[in-house]
N, C-alpha and C. Protein backbone atom coordinates (compact mmCIF):
# COMPACT_ATOMS: atom_id res chain seq x y z
N UNK A 1 -13.60 -44.33 34.66
CA UNK A 1 -12.34 -43.95 34.05
C UNK A 1 -11.63 -45.15 33.44
N UNK A 2 -11.61 -46.29 34.15
CA UNK A 2 -10.93 -47.46 33.63
C UNK A 2 -11.53 -47.93 32.32
N UNK A 3 -12.86 -47.89 32.21
CA UNK A 3 -13.52 -48.29 30.98
C UNK A 3 -13.14 -47.34 29.85
N UNK A 4 -13.14 -46.05 30.13
CA UNK A 4 -12.77 -45.08 29.11
C UNK A 4 -11.32 -45.25 28.68
N UNK A 5 -10.42 -45.43 29.63
CA UNK A 5 -9.00 -45.60 29.30
C UNK A 5 -8.78 -46.88 28.50
N UNK A 6 -9.48 -47.93 28.86
CA UNK A 6 -9.36 -49.19 28.13
C UNK A 6 -9.82 -49.03 26.69
N UNK A 7 -10.95 -48.38 26.52
CA UNK A 7 -11.46 -48.13 25.17
C UNK A 7 -10.49 -47.27 24.38
N UNK A 8 -9.96 -46.24 25.02
CA UNK A 8 -9.01 -45.35 24.37
C UNK A 8 -7.78 -46.12 23.91
N UNK A 9 -7.26 -46.98 24.77
CA UNK A 9 -6.06 -47.75 24.42
C UNK A 9 -6.32 -48.67 23.23
N UNK A 10 -7.48 -49.28 23.19
CA UNK A 10 -7.82 -50.20 22.10
C UNK A 10 -7.99 -49.50 20.76
N UNK A 11 -8.44 -48.27 20.79
CA UNK A 11 -8.75 -47.58 19.54
C UNK A 11 -7.71 -46.56 19.09
N UNK A 12 -6.73 -46.28 19.95
CA UNK A 12 -5.74 -45.25 19.64
C UNK A 12 -5.03 -45.50 18.31
N UNK A 13 -4.49 -46.68 18.15
CA UNK A 13 -3.75 -46.99 16.93
C UNK A 13 -4.67 -47.00 15.70
N UNK A 14 -5.89 -47.47 15.88
CA UNK A 14 -6.85 -47.48 14.77
C UNK A 14 -7.17 -46.06 14.32
N UNK A 15 -7.31 -45.15 15.26
CA UNK A 15 -7.58 -43.75 14.93
C UNK A 15 -6.42 -43.16 14.13
N UNK A 16 -5.20 -43.42 14.57
CA UNK A 16 -4.02 -42.90 13.87
C UNK A 16 -3.93 -43.48 12.46
N UNK A 17 -4.22 -44.77 12.32
CA UNK A 17 -4.18 -45.39 10.99
C UNK A 17 -5.24 -44.81 10.07
N UNK A 18 -6.42 -44.55 10.58
CA UNK A 18 -7.51 -44.04 9.75
C UNK A 18 -7.37 -42.57 9.41
N UNK A 19 -6.91 -41.75 10.36
CA UNK A 19 -6.86 -40.31 10.15
C UNK A 19 -5.50 -39.80 9.72
N UNK A 20 -4.48 -40.60 9.91
CA UNK A 20 -3.12 -40.14 9.67
C UNK A 20 -2.51 -39.67 10.97
N UNK A 21 -1.20 -39.58 11.00
CA UNK A 21 -0.50 -39.29 12.25
C UNK A 21 -0.86 -37.91 12.83
N UNK A 22 -0.86 -36.88 12.01
CA UNK A 22 -1.10 -35.53 12.52
C UNK A 22 -2.53 -35.36 13.03
N UNK A 23 -3.51 -35.66 12.20
CA UNK A 23 -4.91 -35.51 12.59
C UNK A 23 -5.25 -36.46 13.75
N UNK A 24 -4.69 -37.65 13.72
CA UNK A 24 -4.93 -38.60 14.80
C UNK A 24 -4.39 -38.11 16.13
N UNK A 25 -3.20 -37.54 16.12
CA UNK A 25 -2.60 -37.03 17.36
C UNK A 25 -3.38 -35.84 17.90
N UNK A 26 -3.88 -34.98 17.02
CA UNK A 26 -4.69 -33.85 17.47
C UNK A 26 -5.96 -34.35 18.15
N UNK A 27 -6.64 -35.28 17.51
CA UNK A 27 -7.85 -35.84 18.09
C UNK A 27 -7.56 -36.54 19.41
N UNK A 28 -6.49 -37.30 19.46
CA UNK A 28 -6.14 -38.02 20.68
C UNK A 28 -5.76 -37.05 21.80
N UNK A 29 -5.11 -35.97 21.46
CA UNK A 29 -4.78 -34.96 22.47
C UNK A 29 -6.03 -34.39 23.10
N UNK A 30 -7.02 -34.10 22.30
CA UNK A 30 -8.29 -33.60 22.83
C UNK A 30 -8.97 -34.67 23.68
N UNK A 31 -8.85 -35.92 23.29
CA UNK A 31 -9.49 -37.00 24.04
C UNK A 31 -8.90 -37.16 25.44
N UNK A 32 -7.64 -36.81 25.62
CA UNK A 32 -7.04 -36.89 26.95
C UNK A 32 -7.81 -36.06 27.96
N UNK A 33 -8.25 -34.89 27.54
CA UNK A 33 -9.02 -34.04 28.43
C UNK A 33 -10.35 -34.69 28.80
N UNK A 34 -10.97 -35.30 27.81
CA UNK A 34 -12.27 -35.91 28.07
C UNK A 34 -12.16 -37.13 28.96
N UNK A 35 -11.05 -37.85 28.87
CA UNK A 35 -10.85 -39.02 29.73
C UNK A 35 -10.80 -38.65 31.21
N UNK A 36 -10.34 -37.45 31.48
CA UNK A 36 -10.15 -37.03 32.87
C UNK A 36 -11.43 -36.58 33.56
N UNK A 37 -12.47 -36.37 32.80
CA UNK A 37 -13.71 -35.84 33.39
C UNK A 37 -14.32 -36.86 34.34
N UNK A 38 -14.76 -36.40 35.48
CA UNK A 38 -15.40 -37.26 36.46
C UNK A 38 -14.45 -37.73 37.55
N UNK A 39 -13.19 -37.92 37.24
CA UNK A 39 -12.25 -38.40 38.24
C UNK A 39 -11.35 -37.29 38.76
N UNK A 40 -11.38 -36.15 38.15
CA UNK A 40 -10.51 -35.06 38.56
C UNK A 40 -11.28 -33.81 38.98
N UNK A 41 -12.53 -33.97 39.32
CA UNK A 41 -13.30 -32.85 39.83
C UNK A 41 -13.96 -31.97 38.79
N UNK A 42 -13.84 -32.31 37.49
CA UNK A 42 -14.49 -31.51 36.47
C UNK A 42 -16.00 -31.70 36.55
N UNK A 43 -16.71 -30.60 36.46
CA UNK A 43 -18.16 -30.65 36.46
C UNK A 43 -18.75 -30.28 35.12
N UNK A 44 -17.95 -29.64 34.26
CA UNK A 44 -18.46 -29.21 32.96
C UNK A 44 -17.49 -29.57 31.85
N UNK A 45 -17.98 -30.35 30.90
CA UNK A 45 -17.17 -30.71 29.74
C UNK A 45 -17.67 -30.01 28.49
N UNK A 46 -18.92 -29.59 28.48
CA UNK A 46 -19.50 -29.05 27.26
C UNK A 46 -19.81 -27.56 27.33
N UNK A 47 -19.32 -26.88 28.33
CA UNK A 47 -19.51 -25.43 28.45
C UNK A 47 -18.17 -24.75 28.68
N UNK A 48 -18.06 -23.54 28.16
CA UNK A 48 -16.84 -22.76 28.38
C UNK A 48 -16.92 -22.02 29.70
N UNK A 49 -15.80 -21.93 30.39
CA UNK A 49 -15.74 -21.16 31.64
C UNK A 49 -15.90 -19.67 31.34
N UNK A 50 -15.27 -19.21 30.29
CA UNK A 50 -15.37 -17.81 29.87
C UNK A 50 -16.44 -17.74 28.78
N UNK A 51 -17.64 -17.34 29.17
CA UNK A 51 -18.80 -17.39 28.29
C UNK A 51 -19.04 -16.05 27.62
N UNK A 52 -19.34 -16.13 26.32
CA UNK A 52 -19.67 -14.92 25.58
C UNK A 52 -21.08 -15.08 25.02
N UNK A 53 -21.23 -15.84 23.97
CA UNK A 53 -22.53 -16.10 23.37
C UNK A 53 -22.66 -17.57 23.05
N UNK A 54 -23.87 -17.99 22.79
CA UNK A 54 -24.13 -19.38 22.46
C UNK A 54 -24.70 -20.13 23.64
N UNK A 55 -25.33 -21.24 23.35
CA UNK A 55 -25.98 -22.02 24.39
C UNK A 55 -25.00 -22.47 25.47
N UNK A 56 -23.80 -22.84 25.07
CA UNK A 56 -22.78 -23.29 26.01
C UNK A 56 -21.71 -22.23 26.25
N UNK A 57 -21.86 -21.09 25.64
CA UNK A 57 -20.97 -19.96 25.89
C UNK A 57 -19.65 -20.00 25.15
N UNK A 58 -19.41 -20.98 24.32
CA UNK A 58 -18.10 -21.11 23.70
C UNK A 58 -18.08 -20.88 22.21
N UNK A 59 -18.86 -19.95 21.71
CA UNK A 59 -18.86 -19.69 20.27
C UNK A 59 -17.74 -18.77 19.82
N UNK A 60 -17.33 -17.86 20.67
CA UNK A 60 -16.25 -16.93 20.32
C UNK A 60 -15.25 -16.88 21.48
N UNK A 61 -14.02 -16.45 21.21
CA UNK A 61 -13.02 -16.38 22.28
C UNK A 61 -13.42 -15.42 23.40
N UNK A 62 -12.81 -15.61 24.53
CA UNK A 62 -13.04 -14.79 25.71
C UNK A 62 -12.64 -13.34 25.42
N UNK A 63 -13.45 -12.41 25.90
CA UNK A 63 -13.17 -11.00 25.68
C UNK A 63 -13.71 -10.14 26.80
N UNK A 64 -13.74 -8.85 26.57
CA UNK A 64 -14.15 -7.91 27.62
C UNK A 64 -15.62 -8.03 28.00
N UNK A 65 -16.46 -8.55 27.12
CA UNK A 65 -17.89 -8.70 27.41
C UNK A 65 -18.22 -10.08 27.99
N UNK A 66 -17.23 -10.89 28.21
CA UNK A 66 -17.44 -12.27 28.68
C UNK A 66 -17.81 -12.32 30.15
N UNK A 67 -18.51 -13.39 30.51
CA UNK A 67 -18.77 -13.71 31.92
C UNK A 67 -17.88 -14.89 32.27
N UNK A 68 -17.13 -14.78 33.33
CA UNK A 68 -16.20 -15.83 33.73
C UNK A 68 -16.82 -16.63 34.88
N UNK A 69 -16.69 -17.95 34.81
CA UNK A 69 -17.24 -18.82 35.84
C UNK A 69 -16.53 -18.58 37.18
N UNK A 70 -17.20 -18.87 38.30
CA UNK A 70 -16.58 -18.60 39.60
C UNK A 70 -15.44 -19.56 39.96
N UNK A 71 -15.43 -20.77 39.37
CA UNK A 71 -14.38 -21.75 39.70
C UNK A 71 -13.91 -22.43 38.42
N UNK A 72 -12.87 -21.89 37.82
CA UNK A 72 -12.39 -22.42 36.54
C UNK A 72 -11.80 -23.81 36.64
N UNK A 73 -11.49 -24.29 37.85
CA UNK A 73 -10.95 -25.64 38.00
C UNK A 73 -12.00 -26.70 37.73
N UNK A 74 -13.26 -26.33 37.67
CA UNK A 74 -14.35 -27.28 37.42
C UNK A 74 -14.69 -27.41 35.94
N UNK A 75 -13.98 -26.68 35.08
CA UNK A 75 -14.26 -26.66 33.65
C UNK A 75 -13.08 -27.22 32.86
N UNK A 76 -13.37 -27.92 31.78
CA UNK A 76 -12.33 -28.40 30.87
C UNK A 76 -11.94 -27.29 29.91
N UNK A 77 -12.92 -26.55 29.42
CA UNK A 77 -12.66 -25.52 28.40
C UNK A 77 -12.73 -24.12 28.98
N UNK A 78 -11.74 -23.30 28.62
CA UNK A 78 -11.76 -21.88 28.98
C UNK A 78 -12.65 -21.13 27.99
N UNK A 79 -12.39 -21.32 26.72
CA UNK A 79 -13.19 -20.76 25.64
C UNK A 79 -13.18 -21.79 24.52
N UNK A 80 -13.68 -21.48 23.31
CA UNK A 80 -13.76 -22.53 22.30
C UNK A 80 -12.42 -23.06 21.81
N UNK A 81 -11.34 -22.38 22.11
CA UNK A 81 -10.03 -22.78 21.59
C UNK A 81 -9.02 -23.21 22.64
N UNK A 82 -9.29 -22.93 23.90
CA UNK A 82 -8.28 -23.15 24.93
C UNK A 82 -8.83 -23.98 26.09
N UNK A 83 -8.10 -25.01 26.49
CA UNK A 83 -8.46 -25.73 27.71
C UNK A 83 -8.09 -24.89 28.94
N UNK A 84 -8.69 -25.18 30.06
CA UNK A 84 -8.33 -24.49 31.30
C UNK A 84 -6.98 -24.99 31.79
N UNK A 85 -6.42 -24.29 32.76
CA UNK A 85 -5.14 -24.70 33.34
C UNK A 85 -5.25 -26.11 33.92
N UNK A 86 -6.36 -26.41 34.58
CA UNK A 86 -6.54 -27.75 35.17
C UNK A 86 -6.52 -28.84 34.11
N UNK A 87 -7.19 -28.60 32.99
CA UNK A 87 -7.20 -29.58 31.91
C UNK A 87 -5.82 -29.71 31.28
N UNK A 88 -5.12 -28.58 31.12
CA UNK A 88 -3.76 -28.62 30.58
C UNK A 88 -2.82 -29.42 31.48
N UNK A 89 -2.96 -29.26 32.78
CA UNK A 89 -2.10 -30.00 33.72
C UNK A 89 -2.31 -31.50 33.61
N UNK A 90 -3.54 -31.92 33.44
CA UNK A 90 -3.82 -33.36 33.28
C UNK A 90 -3.17 -33.88 32.01
N UNK A 91 -3.35 -33.14 30.92
CA UNK A 91 -2.71 -33.55 29.66
C UNK A 91 -1.21 -33.59 29.76
N UNK A 92 -0.61 -32.60 30.43
CA UNK A 92 0.84 -32.55 30.59
C UNK A 92 1.34 -33.72 31.44
N UNK A 93 0.62 -34.05 32.52
CA UNK A 93 1.02 -35.17 33.37
C UNK A 93 0.99 -36.47 32.59
N UNK A 94 -0.05 -36.66 31.77
CA UNK A 94 -0.13 -37.88 30.96
C UNK A 94 0.98 -37.92 29.92
N UNK A 95 1.27 -36.79 29.29
CA UNK A 95 2.34 -36.76 28.29
C UNK A 95 3.70 -37.01 28.92
N UNK A 96 3.92 -36.47 30.12
CA UNK A 96 5.22 -36.58 30.76
C UNK A 96 5.44 -37.94 31.41
N UNK A 97 4.45 -38.46 32.11
CA UNK A 97 4.62 -39.71 32.86
C UNK A 97 3.62 -40.79 32.49
N UNK A 98 2.77 -40.55 31.50
CA UNK A 98 1.70 -41.49 31.17
C UNK A 98 2.18 -42.80 30.58
N UNK A 99 1.33 -43.79 30.68
CA UNK A 99 1.60 -45.10 30.12
C UNK A 99 1.24 -45.14 28.64
N UNK A 100 1.37 -46.32 28.05
CA UNK A 100 1.12 -46.48 26.63
C UNK A 100 -0.32 -46.19 26.23
N UNK A 101 -1.24 -46.20 27.19
CA UNK A 101 -2.62 -45.87 26.84
C UNK A 101 -2.77 -44.39 26.52
N UNK A 102 -1.78 -43.56 26.89
CA UNK A 102 -1.83 -42.13 26.64
C UNK A 102 -0.80 -41.67 25.62
N UNK A 103 0.41 -42.18 25.68
CA UNK A 103 1.47 -41.76 24.77
C UNK A 103 2.20 -42.98 24.23
N UNK A 104 2.64 -42.89 22.98
CA UNK A 104 3.30 -44.02 22.35
C UNK A 104 4.34 -43.50 21.38
N UNK A 105 5.49 -44.07 21.29
CA UNK A 105 5.92 -45.31 21.92
C UNK A 105 6.47 -45.12 23.33
N UNK A 106 6.67 -43.86 23.77
CA UNK A 106 7.16 -43.62 25.13
C UNK A 106 6.71 -42.25 25.59
N UNK A 107 6.72 -42.05 26.90
CA UNK A 107 6.35 -40.73 27.42
C UNK A 107 7.57 -39.80 27.41
N UNK A 108 7.38 -38.55 27.76
CA UNK A 108 8.45 -37.55 27.69
C UNK A 108 9.58 -37.88 28.67
N UNK A 109 9.25 -38.35 29.85
CA UNK A 109 10.30 -38.71 30.82
C UNK A 109 11.18 -39.83 30.26
N UNK A 110 10.55 -40.84 29.67
CA UNK A 110 11.31 -41.95 29.08
C UNK A 110 12.18 -41.45 27.93
N UNK A 111 11.63 -40.55 27.13
CA UNK A 111 12.39 -40.00 25.99
C UNK A 111 13.60 -39.22 26.48
N UNK A 112 13.42 -38.42 27.52
CA UNK A 112 14.52 -37.62 28.06
C UNK A 112 15.61 -38.49 28.66
N UNK A 113 15.22 -39.64 29.21
CA UNK A 113 16.19 -40.54 29.84
C UNK A 113 16.80 -41.53 28.86
N UNK A 114 16.34 -41.53 27.63
CA UNK A 114 16.83 -42.49 26.64
C UNK A 114 18.20 -42.08 26.11
């Protein structure tokens, strides 16, 4: 995790400069979920918990024909468009209280107290 966070911190500003603020922030938001894998009990990063079709089950949104995994806390993705609650909580914690390696120029708590 430390190696991933260090790499993320070093490249965050470069990504924003190259892609622009909006596209860079979207990409960085998705990267927050990936940084958490391995240290927060996630076992699957490349498969959807709610599987429909496709090799990894995430080609279409979850529906009535879907198979749902037995433990959604072990998955980052619910379906191709939505992270699981566990992944969302990690992202929210980083946005609210995270350091500069996750949010810049300040986190939400700092902004609220400013």
